[in-house]
Amino acid sequence: MAAMSGAPLLLANATLTSKLQDDDHRHAEPLKKNRDYEWQVVWRNVFAFVYLHAAALYGFYLMFAGKVRGWTILFGLVFALMAGMGVTAGAHRLWAHRSYKARWPLRLFLALMQTMAFQNHIYEWVRDHRVHHKFTETDADPHNARRGFFFSHIGWLMVRKHKDVFEKGATVDMSDLEKDPIVMFQKKTYMVLMPLLCFVIPAWIPCYFWGENPWYSWYVASITRYTVALHFTWLVNSAAHIWGNRPYDKNIGATDNKAVAICAFGEGWHNYHHVFPWDYKAAELGNYSTNLSTALIDFAAKHGLAYDLKTVSAEMIRQRVNRTGDGSHPWTKDSQEDGHYHPENPVWGWEDTDMTEEEKQFAEIVHRKTE
């Protein structure tokens, strides 16, 4: 970007600050009932969730009654971990936010794991998530937390989406995924690969390798594992927009929630993530115990499979904490390290083509201050 004089820079800064304040006040208003939005129940999904939860309860009975083998339970946990990583390190941090780049073997591996998770194919998952970030807690947000815990957790999947989700979602640029052959192959073959990878294979493996009862394997390794994993992911949409601290921006709904971070492999540091969505760690503080997804990406980077990891400078974080934080950030003058690498020249944003010129100018201002 070409150099700008001091006056235009100050004007751009003031204009964007005013715009952000207006947005904060708009988001702080109570949700008004939209007369044009009548909830239309998707009964197919309702019946599916009823079956999943009833079957999961039976699966828990089998485990606590000692009717299923320990190896099957352990296998279900490992399978859930792998599938979850496909969502967090893959669909979320790689494809939705482009917070790092991955060579094709890692992209293929993450795509397979994301298919194992059955949370829609990568293309649809990314589209909904980008809409969520761009129109957070408005009618265009697919799981708008202002409609309450139940809606943002599971209810949004039981009703037809608000028309704004479709209309404003169409404005989100998805051209990068359309150019990714792995993503598009998964999209075309999803209805064949997903049932095999999410349900059939995990039920078959315990039966074949250690003689588990087929029905017990189905209810524990497939259904219970899948249902519990869904709830862990949904907590990011619900609990991490309701309960927790807001160390980086007290004016937005997203919160930092350690319990959710543990359950969702590092995705619960949500206040940080909404303020700095391009950071591949999706968090600042803590170690790998609350952010296993970062551990996977770091491991891949160490072996040359991941590169161009984007993150945020320590000074940039400090400025944001002092400007908009709720006072809960533990940072002190004597403790400036968080255990992660911060580049001196951090990469800005996720290269969102919808970023306004004012936002780009303001980004350039803060970037120069942190050099």
Protein backbone atom coordinates (compact mmCIF):
# COMPACT_ATOMS: atom_id res chain seq x y z
CA MET A 1 0.00 0.00 0.00
CA ALA A 2 1.33 3.44 -0.92
CA ALA A 3 2.42 5.80 1.88
CA MET A 4 -0.29 8.16 3.15
CA SER A 5 -0.02 11.54 4.87
CA GLY A 6 -0.78 11.87 8.59
CA ALA A 7 -4.15 13.63 8.19
CA PRO A 8 -5.77 10.97 5.95
CA LEU A 9 -4.48 8.27 8.28
CA LEU A 10 -6.02 9.93 11.31
CA LEU A 11 -9.25 10.45 9.40
CA ALA A 12 -9.38 6.80 8.36
CA ASN A 13 -8.64 5.75 11.95
CA ALA A 14 -11.39 7.97 13.36
CA THR A 15 -13.89 6.92 10.70
CA LEU A 16 -13.36 3.21 11.28
CA THR A 17 -13.38 3.64 15.05
CA SER A 18 -16.76 5.38 14.78
CA LYS A 19 -18.00 2.60 12.50
CA LEU A 20 -16.86 -0.08 14.95
CA GLN A 21 -18.54 1.73 17.84
CA ASP A 22 -21.78 1.94 15.87
CA ASP A 23 -21.56 -1.79 15.17
CA ASP A 24 -20.97 -2.49 18.87
CA HIS A 25 -24.07 -0.49 19.84
CA ARG A 26 -26.09 -2.26 17.16
CA HIS A 27 -25.00 -5.68 18.40
CA ALA A 28 -25.67 -4.67 21.99
CA GLU A 29 -29.34 -3.99 21.27
CA PRO A 30 -31.79 -6.69 22.34
CA LEU A 31 -32.77 -9.01 19.54
CA LYS A 32 -35.97 -7.77 17.94
CA LYS A 33 -38.47 -10.28 16.74
CA ASN A 34 -38.43 -10.53 12.98
CA ARG A 35 -42.01 -10.87 11.80
CA ASP A 36 -40.80 -12.20 8.46
CA TYR A 37 -39.04 -15.13 10.14
CA GLU A 38 -41.37 -17.90 11.22
CA TRP A 39 -39.56 -20.99 12.39
CA GLN A 40 -40.25 -23.89 10.05
CA VAL A 41 -39.33 -27.15 11.71
CA VAL A 42 -37.23 -29.58 9.66
CA TRP A 43 -38.77 -32.77 11.00
CA ARG A 44 -36.23 -35.01 9.28
CA ASN A 45 -33.49 -33.47 11.41
CA VAL A 46 -35.62 -33.58 14.55
CA PHE A 47 -36.26 -37.31 14.15
CA ALA A 48 -32.57 -37.88 13.40
CA PHE A 49 -31.53 -36.10 16.60
CA VAL A 50 -34.11 -38.03 18.64
CA TYR A 51 -32.65 -41.29 17.35
CA LEU A 52 -29.05 -40.18 17.89
CA HIS A 53 -29.63 -39.20 21.51
CA ALA A 54 -31.72 -42.26 22.36
CA ALA A 55 -29.08 -44.51 20.78
CA ALA A 56 -26.29 -42.61 22.57
CA LEU A 57 -28.02 -43.19 25.92
CA TYR A 58 -28.10 -46.90 25.13
CA GLY A 59 -24.43 -46.70 24.18
CA PHE A 60 -23.59 -45.17 27.56
CA TYR A 61 -25.57 -47.95 29.24
CA LEU A 62 -23.50 -50.54 27.40
CA MET A 63 -20.28 -48.86 28.51
CA PHE A 64 -21.20 -48.36 32.17
CA ALA A 65 -22.73 -51.84 32.41
CA GLY A 66 -19.46 -53.34 31.20
CA LYS A 67 -21.05 -55.00 28.17
CA VAL A 68 -18.67 -53.44 25.64
CA ARG A 69 -14.93 -54.06 25.46
CA GLY A 70 -12.46 -51.45 26.66
CA TRP A 71 -10.71 -51.45 23.30
CA THR A 72 -13.96 -50.34 21.65
CA ILE A 73 -14.31 -47.40 24.01
CA LEU A 74 -10.68 -46.41 23.48
CA PHE A 75 -11.10 -46.73 19.72
CA GLY A 76 -14.16 -44.46 19.84
CA LEU A 77 -12.19 -41.80 21.73
CA VAL A 78 -9.28 -41.91 19.28
CA PHE A 79 -11.63 -41.84 16.30
CA ALA A 80 -13.48 -38.84 17.77
CA LEU A 81 -10.16 -37.04 18.30
CA MET A 82 -9.11 -37.58 14.70
CA ALA A 83 -12.48 -36.52 13.31
CA GLY A 84 -12.47 -33.43 15.52
CA MET A 85 -9.05 -32.41 14.25
CA GLY A 86 -10.42 -32.57 10.72
CA VAL A 87 -12.92 -29.91 11.72
CA THR A 88 -10.72 -27.69 13.89
CA ALA A 89 -7.35 -27.80 12.14
CA GLY A 90 -8.88 -28.49 8.73
CA ALA A 91 -12.30 -26.99 7.96
CA HIS A 92 -11.90 -24.18 10.48
CA ARG A 93 -8.33 -22.95 10.60
CA LEU A 94 -7.08 -24.07 7.19
CA TRP A 95 -10.03 -23.70 4.85
CA ALA A 96 -12.38 -21.22 6.58
CA HIS A 97 -9.75 -18.74 7.77
CA ARG A 98 -6.71 -19.59 5.65
CA SER A 99 -4.63 -19.07 8.78
CA TYR A 100 -1.91 -21.32 7.38
CA LYS A 101 -1.12 -23.23 4.21
CA ALA A 102 -0.88 -26.98 3.83
CA ARG A 103 0.69 -29.23 1.25
CA TRP A 104 -1.60 -31.69 -0.48
CA PRO A 105 -0.85 -34.76 1.72
CA LEU A 106 -1.91 -32.81 4.82
CA ARG A 107 -4.95 -31.33 3.05
CA LEU A 108 -6.03 -34.81 1.96
CA PHE A 109 -5.54 -36.18 5.47
CA LEU A 110 -7.54 -33.32 7.03
CA ALA A 111 -10.30 -33.70 4.43
CA LEU A 112 -10.63 -37.41 5.24
CA MET A 113 -10.79 -36.67 8.97
CA GLN A 114 -13.34 -33.92 8.41
CA THR A 115 -15.47 -36.39 6.46
CA MET A 116 -15.27 -38.75 9.43
CA ALA A 117 -16.83 -36.02 11.59
CA PHE A 118 -20.04 -35.65 9.47
CA GLN A 119 -20.64 -31.94 10.03
CA ASN A 120 -21.43 -31.20 6.37
CA HIS A 121 -18.79 -31.19 3.67
CA ILE A 122 -15.94 -28.68 3.85
CA TYR A 123 -17.45 -26.28 1.33
CA GLU A 124 -20.74 -25.89 3.22
CA TRP A 125 -19.02 -25.85 6.61
CA VAL A 126 -16.71 -23.04 5.52
CA ARG A 127 -19.51 -21.04 3.93
CA ASP A 128 -21.60 -21.14 7.12
CA HIS A 129 -18.60 -20.26 9.25
CA ARG A 130 -17.55 -17.30 7.13
CA VAL A 131 -21.12 -16.04 7.26
CA HIS A 132 -21.05 -16.47 11.04
CA HIS A 133 -17.94 -14.30 11.33
CA LYS A 134 -19.06 -11.67 8.87
CA PHE A 135 -22.57 -11.29 10.35
CA THR A 136 -22.06 -12.45 13.93
CA GLU A 137 -25.19 -12.49 16.11
CA THR A 138 -27.47 -11.03 13.46
CA ASP A 139 -30.25 -12.72 11.48
CA ALA A 140 -27.64 -13.72 8.90
CA ASP A 141 -25.71 -15.71 11.52
CA PRO A 142 -26.75 -19.38 11.07
CA HIS A 143 -26.50 -20.07 14.82
CA ASN A 144 -27.30 -16.63 16.19
CA ALA A 145 -26.56 -16.79 19.95
CA ARG A 146 -28.99 -13.95 20.61
CA ARG A 147 -31.80 -16.44 20.14
CA GLY A 148 -30.64 -18.34 23.22
CA PHE A 149 -28.54 -21.33 24.18
CA PHE A 150 -30.79 -24.02 22.70
CA PHE A 151 -31.05 -22.34 19.30
CA SER A 152 -27.32 -21.65 18.97
CA HIS A 153 -26.44 -25.12 20.25
CA ILE A 154 -28.74 -27.45 18.32
CA GLY A 155 -32.00 -25.68 17.52
CA TRP A 156 -30.64 -23.93 14.44
CA LEU A 157 -30.27 -27.33 12.81
CA MET A 158 -33.92 -28.18 13.49
CA VAL A 159 -35.45 -25.25 11.61
CA ARG A 160 -35.03 -23.69 8.21
CA LYS A 161 -32.39 -20.99 8.07
CA HIS A 162 -33.39 -17.34 8.13
CA LYS A 163 -33.59 -15.83 4.65
CA ASP A 164 -30.72 -13.46 5.54
CA VAL A 165 -28.43 -16.48 5.95
CA PHE A 166 -29.03 -17.34 2.29
CA GLU A 167 -29.07 -13.80 0.92
CA LYS A 168 -26.04 -12.46 2.76
CA GLY A 169 -24.29 -15.80 2.62
CA ALA A 170 -24.30 -15.48 -1.15
CA THR A 171 -22.02 -12.45 -0.79
CA VAL A 172 -19.24 -14.45 0.86
CA ASP A 173 -16.33 -15.22 -1.44
CA MET A 174 -15.82 -18.98 -1.82
CA SER A 175 -13.63 -18.91 -4.92
CA ASP A 176 -10.58 -20.19 -3.03
CA LEU A 177 -12.35 -23.44 -2.13
CA GLU A 178 -13.73 -23.81 -5.64
CA LYS A 179 -10.12 -23.88 -6.86
CA ASP A 180 -9.12 -26.59 -4.34
CA PRO A 181 -9.48 -30.02 -6.03
CA ILE A 182 -9.51 -31.89 -2.72
CA VAL A 183 -12.37 -29.80 -1.35
CA MET A 184 -14.40 -30.12 -4.53
CA PHE A 185 -13.78 -33.87 -4.77
CA GLN A 186 -15.01 -34.29 -1.21
CA LYS A 187 -18.08 -32.19 -2.01
CA LYS A 188 -18.98 -34.36 -5.04
CA THR A 189 -18.43 -37.70 -3.25
CA TYR A 190 -19.59 -36.70 0.24
CA MET A 191 -22.82 -38.73 0.34
CA VAL A 192 -20.83 -41.86 -0.45
CA LEU A 193 -17.70 -41.27 1.62
CA MET A 194 -19.37 -39.80 4.72
CA PRO A 195 -21.54 -42.83 5.70
CA LEU A 196 -18.57 -45.13 5.20
CA LEU A 197 -16.05 -43.07 7.13
CA CYS A 198 -18.34 -41.81 9.90
CA PHE A 199 -20.51 -44.86 10.62
CA VAL A 200 -19.76 -48.07 8.72
CA ILE A 201 -15.98 -48.33 9.11
CA PRO A 202 -15.83 -47.30 12.81
CA ALA A 203 -18.51 -49.91 13.58
CA TRP A 204 -16.72 -52.59 11.52
CA ILE A 205 -13.19 -52.16 12.92
CA PRO A 206 -13.95 -53.30 16.52
CA CYS A 207 -15.88 -56.30 15.18
CA TYR A 208 -13.12 -57.39 12.82
CA PHE A 209 -10.03 -56.78 14.96
CA TRP A 210 -11.12 -57.75 18.49
CA GLY A 211 -14.44 -59.51 18.05
CA GLU A 212 -16.79 -56.87 19.40
CA ASN A 213 -20.53 -57.51 19.23
CA PRO A 214 -21.71 -55.78 16.00
CA TRP A 215 -24.64 -53.99 17.63
CA TYR A 216 -22.57 -52.89 20.60
CA SER A 217 -19.94 -51.57 18.22
CA TRP A 218 -22.58 -49.66 16.25
CA TYR A 219 -24.05 -47.98 19.32
CA VAL A 220 -20.75 -47.16 21.02
CA ALA A 221 -18.05 -46.67 18.36
CA SER A 222 -20.36 -45.03 15.83
CA ILE A 223 -23.47 -43.43 17.33
CA THR A 224 -22.39 -42.47 20.87
CA ARG A 225 -19.01 -41.28 19.66
CA TYR A 226 -20.61 -39.18 16.92
CA THR A 227 -23.34 -37.67 19.13
CA VAL A 228 -20.94 -36.62 21.90
CA ALA A 229 -18.56 -35.12 19.36
CA LEU A 230 -21.39 -33.04 17.91
CA HIS A 231 -22.16 -31.52 21.30
CA PHE A 232 -18.50 -30.63 21.86
CA THR A 233 -18.49 -28.75 18.55
CA TRP A 234 -21.84 -27.09 19.22
CA LEU A 235 -20.54 -25.71 22.53
CA VAL A 236 -18.37 -23.31 20.52
CA ASN A 237 -21.50 -21.84 18.94
CA SER A 238 -23.50 -21.71 22.16
CA ALA A 239 -21.54 -21.69 25.43
CA ALA A 240 -18.60 -19.78 23.94
CA HIS A 241 -20.99 -17.00 22.94
CA ILE A 242 -22.71 -16.81 26.33
CA TRP A 243 -20.46 -17.74 29.27
CA GLY A 244 -16.84 -16.77 29.85
CA ASN A 245 -14.49 -13.80 29.81
CA ARG A 246 -13.92 -11.21 27.10
CA PRO A 247 -10.24 -10.28 27.59
CA TYR A 248 -9.78 -8.84 24.09
CA ASP A 249 -13.12 -7.21 23.26
CA LYS A 250 -15.87 -6.76 25.82
CA ASN A 251 -18.25 -5.41 23.15
CA ILE A 252 -18.76 -8.67 21.26
CA GLY A 253 -20.65 -11.80 22.24
CA ALA A 254 -17.86 -14.34 21.81
CA THR A 255 -16.13 -15.40 25.04
CA ASP A 256 -13.02 -17.24 26.19
CA ASN A 257 -14.21 -20.47 27.82
CA LYS A 258 -11.59 -22.94 29.03
CA ALA A 259 -14.00 -25.87 29.38
CA VAL A 260 -15.11 -25.46 25.77
CA ALA A 261 -11.47 -25.14 24.68
CA ILE A 262 -10.69 -28.52 26.23
CA CYS A 263 -13.76 -30.21 24.72
CA ALA A 264 -13.25 -28.66 21.28
CA PHE A 265 -9.46 -29.10 21.02
CA GLY A 266 -8.64 -25.40 21.38
CA GLU A 267 -11.66 -23.70 19.81
CA GLY A 268 -13.04 -22.31 23.07
CA TRP A 269 -10.75 -19.27 23.22
CA HIS A 270 -13.47 -17.65 21.17
CA ASN A 271 -13.20 -14.00 22.18
CA TYR A 272 -9.60 -14.03 20.97
CA HIS A 273 -10.60 -15.86 17.80
CA HIS A 274 -13.28 -13.34 16.83
CA VAL A 275 -10.85 -10.47 17.40
CA PHE A 276 -7.94 -12.13 15.57
CA PRO A 277 -9.58 -14.71 13.27
CA TRP A 278 -6.49 -15.16 11.11
CA ASP A 279 -4.31 -16.57 13.94
CA TYR A 280 -3.64 -20.25 13.24
CA LYS A 281 -3.66 -20.95 17.00
CA ALA A 282 -7.17 -19.46 17.45
CA ALA A 283 -5.87 -18.56 20.91
CA GLU A 284 -3.14 -16.70 22.72
CA LEU A 285 -2.54 -18.09 26.19
CA GLY A 286 -2.12 -21.60 27.46
CA ASN A 287 -0.30 -24.69 26.22
CA TYR A 288 -1.21 -27.63 24.05
CA SER A 289 -3.34 -29.17 26.81
CA THR A 290 -6.13 -26.76 25.87
CA ASN A 291 -5.27 -26.49 22.18
CA LEU A 292 -4.48 -29.85 20.61
CA SER A 293 -5.31 -28.47 17.17
CA THR A 294 -2.36 -26.08 17.43
CA ALA A 295 -0.14 -29.01 18.40
CA LEU A 296 -1.15 -30.85 15.22
CA ILE A 297 -0.46 -27.81 13.03
CA ASP A 298 2.90 -27.17 14.71
CA PHE A 299 3.83 -30.84 14.26
CA ALA A 300 2.91 -30.65 10.57
CA ALA A 301 4.90 -27.41 10.17
CA LYS A 302 7.94 -29.02 11.79
CA HIS A 303 7.84 -31.74 9.14
CA GLY A 304 7.25 -29.38 6.22
CA LEU A 305 3.57 -30.19 5.64
CA ALA A 306 2.25 -26.84 6.93
CA TYR A 307 3.75 -23.42 6.28
CA ASP A 308 3.02 -19.68 6.29
CA LEU A 309 1.47 -19.91 9.74
CA LYS A 310 -0.26 -16.58 10.44
CA THR A 311 -0.33 -15.15 13.92
CA VAL A 312 -0.44 -11.85 15.80
CA SER A 313 2.35 -9.75 17.29
CA ALA A 314 2.49 -9.48 21.08
CA GLU A 315 2.29 -5.69 20.90
CA MET A 316 -0.82 -5.82 18.74
CA ILE A 317 -2.52 -8.07 21.29
CA ARG A 318 -1.48 -5.78 24.11
CA GLN A 319 -2.93 -2.73 22.36
CA ARG A 320 -6.25 -4.48 21.78
CA VAL A 321 -6.43 -5.75 25.38
CA ASN A 322 -5.84 -2.24 26.72
CA ARG A 323 -8.31 -0.67 24.31
CA THR A 324 -11.34 -2.96 24.42
CA GLY A 325 -10.69 -5.79 26.91
CA ASP A 326 -12.87 -6.47 29.95
CA GLY A 327 -9.90 -6.40 32.34
CA SER A 328 -9.64 -10.17 32.79
CA HIS A 329 -6.44 -10.61 30.76
CA PRO A 330 -3.62 -11.90 33.01
CA TRP A 331 -0.84 -10.17 31.09
CA THR A 332 1.58 -8.07 33.16
CA LYS A 333 4.65 -6.06 32.25
CA ASP A 334 6.84 -8.84 33.63
CA SER A 335 5.08 -11.60 31.69
CA GLN A 336 5.02 -10.94 27.96
CA GLU A 337 5.50 -14.40 26.50
CA ASP A 338 2.72 -16.86 25.76
CA GLY A 339 4.88 -19.74 24.55
CA HIS A 340 4.15 -19.19 20.84
CA TYR A 341 6.02 -17.51 18.03
CA HIS A 342 4.91 -13.96 17.17
CA PRO A 343 6.34 -12.59 13.91
CA GLU A 344 7.60 -9.03 13.85
CA ASN A 345 5.54 -8.41 10.71
CA PRO A 346 2.28 -10.31 11.19
CA VAL A 347 0.14 -11.12 8.21
CA TRP A 348 -3.12 -9.20 8.17
CA GLY A 349 -6.48 -10.87 7.98
CA TRP A 350 -7.50 -13.87 5.93
CA GLU A 351 -7.25 -11.89 2.69
CA ASP A 352 -11.00 -11.24 2.80
CA THR A 353 -11.98 -9.54 -0.44
CA ASP A 354 -14.92 -7.97 1.40
CA MET A 355 -12.58 -5.96 3.62
CA THR A 356 -13.34 -2.26 3.10
CA GLU A 357 -10.72 0.31 2.14
CA GLU A 358 -11.19 1.98 5.55
CA GLU A 359 -10.47 -1.32 7.30
CA LYS A 360 -7.40 -1.89 5.14
CA GLN A 361 -6.11 1.60 5.95
CA PHE A 362 -6.71 1.11 9.66
CA ALA A 363 -4.96 -2.27 9.50
CA GLU A 364 -1.99 -0.58 7.87
CA ILE A 365 -1.92 2.06 10.62
CA VAL A 366 -1.84 -0.46 13.45
CA HIS A 367 0.59 -2.66 11.53
CA ARG A 368 3.09 0.23 11.24
CA LYS A 369 2.73 1.00 14.95
CA THR A 370 3.61 -2.57 15.85
CA GLU A 371 6.68 -2.86 13.62
